[in-house]
Amino acid sequence: MAYQIKTGCQLFLVQADLQYQLYQALRLGGAPPEDWSKFWDLEKFCESTKGRGKPVLPVFNKDEAWESRRPRNDPESEVFLDFIRKMVITEPERRSPIAELLSHPFLS
């Protein structure tokens, strides 16, 4: 929500099917843990996208994904993206604690 308020854009597409939404979230938050394979087959999903204009590859390059979401012409974009990235992490134990986020320079 903070990303959309600040930039006027969605962080990832929500009009797409649920599988693609999950993939977009994982591109930003990091690859899924191994035990997710019981619930979501990444290879099968990637195979299903071959009919699209740009098929999805089973690669999670977070830096590239975040760079594509960088707000243009915004001098605060580096600090802002750092703030958002600390919250958008697939593995909960790796996310920043709320106390740390509340003292982030973006909120100063």
Protein backbone atom coordinates (compact mmCIF):
# COMPACT_ATOMS: atom_id res chain seq x y z
CA MET A 1 0.00 0.00 0.00
CA ALA A 2 2.82 2.45 0.88
CA TYR A 3 4.40 1.83 -2.51
CA GLN A 4 1.15 2.59 -4.32
CA ILE A 5 0.52 5.74 -2.29
CA LYS A 6 4.05 7.06 -2.89
CA THR A 7 4.37 6.12 -6.58
CA GLY A 8 0.80 5.89 -7.86
CA CYS A 9 1.63 2.41 -9.20
CA GLN A 10 1.04 -1.10 -7.95
CA LEU A 11 4.06 -2.96 -6.59
CA PHE A 12 3.01 -6.01 -8.59
CA LEU A 13 0.10 -6.74 -10.89
CA VAL A 14 -3.03 -7.91 -9.16
CA GLN A 15 -5.07 -8.29 -12.35
CA ALA A 16 -3.12 -11.41 -13.30
CA ASP A 17 -4.01 -14.93 -12.22
CA LEU A 18 -3.09 -16.03 -8.69
CA GLN A 19 -0.08 -18.06 -9.85
CA TYR A 20 1.40 -15.02 -11.59
CA GLN A 21 0.68 -12.79 -8.58
CA LEU A 22 2.56 -15.23 -6.36
CA TYR A 23 5.47 -15.29 -8.81
CA GLN A 24 5.62 -11.47 -8.85
CA ALA A 25 5.65 -11.36 -5.04
CA LEU A 26 8.44 -13.96 -4.94
CA ARG A 27 10.50 -11.99 -7.46
CA LEU A 28 10.55 -9.11 -4.97
CA GLY A 29 10.59 -11.08 -1.73
CA GLY A 30 12.91 -13.91 -2.66
CA ALA A 31 12.65 -17.50 -3.80
CA PRO A 32 10.15 -19.74 -2.05
CA PRO A 33 11.40 -22.10 0.66
CA GLU A 34 11.87 -25.73 -0.41
CA ASP A 35 8.81 -26.93 1.53
CA TRP A 36 6.58 -24.76 -0.66
CA SER A 37 7.03 -27.29 -3.46
CA LYS A 38 4.21 -29.31 -1.84
CA PHE A 39 1.84 -26.44 -2.59
CA TRP A 40 3.27 -24.65 -5.63
CA ASP A 41 5.21 -26.14 -8.54
CA LEU A 42 7.46 -23.38 -9.89
CA GLU A 43 8.60 -25.42 -12.90
CA LYS A 44 5.01 -26.22 -13.87
CA PHE A 45 4.06 -22.55 -13.53
CA CYS A 46 6.98 -21.45 -15.73
CA GLU A 47 6.04 -24.06 -18.31
CA SER A 48 2.47 -22.71 -18.37
CA THR A 49 3.72 -19.22 -19.33
CA LYS A 50 5.42 -20.31 -22.55
CA GLY A 51 2.38 -19.22 -24.57
CA ARG A 52 2.73 -15.63 -23.33
CA GLY A 53 4.73 -12.95 -25.08
CA LYS A 54 7.43 -13.12 -22.43
CA PRO A 55 7.62 -16.53 -20.72
CA VAL A 56 8.58 -16.64 -17.04
CA LEU A 57 11.91 -18.19 -16.07
CA PRO A 58 12.41 -19.98 -12.74
CA VAL A 59 14.87 -17.33 -11.58
CA PHE A 60 14.49 -14.92 -8.69
CA ASN A 61 16.80 -11.92 -9.11
CA LYS A 62 15.57 -9.59 -6.38
CA ASP A 63 17.91 -6.73 -7.28
CA GLU A 64 16.71 -6.72 -10.89
CA ALA A 65 13.07 -6.98 -9.82
CA TRP A 66 13.41 -4.05 -7.40
CA GLU A 67 15.31 -1.94 -9.90
CA SER A 68 12.38 -2.30 -12.31
CA ARG A 69 10.08 -0.94 -9.57
CA ARG A 70 12.28 2.07 -8.73
CA PRO A 71 10.27 5.31 -8.85
CA ARG A 72 11.69 7.55 -11.57
CA ASN A 73 12.70 11.15 -10.94
CA ASP A 74 12.41 10.78 -7.18
CA PRO A 75 15.38 11.86 -5.08
CA GLU A 76 14.07 9.80 -2.12
CA SER A 77 13.67 6.60 -4.15
CA GLU A 78 16.74 4.86 -2.70
CA VAL A 79 15.65 5.36 0.92
CA PHE A 80 12.03 4.57 0.06
CA LEU A 81 12.87 1.31 -1.74
CA ASP A 82 15.12 0.25 1.13
CA PHE A 83 12.18 0.76 3.50
CA ILE A 84 9.77 -1.27 1.34
CA ARG A 85 12.33 -4.03 0.66
CA LYS A 86 12.75 -4.60 4.39
CA MET A 87 9.06 -5.52 4.58
CA VAL A 88 8.67 -7.49 1.35
CA ILE A 89 10.64 -10.61 2.24
CA THR A 90 9.31 -14.11 1.60
CA GLU A 91 10.76 -15.70 4.74
CA PRO A 92 9.10 -14.08 7.80
CA GLU A 93 12.08 -14.59 10.10
CA ARG A 94 14.23 -12.48 7.77
CA ARG A 95 11.84 -9.49 7.75
CA SER A 96 12.78 -6.41 9.74
CA PRO A 97 11.10 -6.03 13.13
CA ILE A 98 8.50 -3.26 13.33
CA ALA A 99 10.63 -1.28 15.82
CA GLU A 100 13.45 -1.18 13.28
CA LEU A 101 11.07 -0.10 10.53
CA LEU A 102 9.64 2.69 12.67
CA SER A 103 13.12 4.16 13.03
CA HIS A 104 13.93 3.87 9.32
CA PRO A 105 15.26 7.09 7.70
CA PHE A 106 12.33 7.15 5.27
CA LEU A 107 9.96 7.83 8.18
CA SER A 108 12.16 10.59 9.62
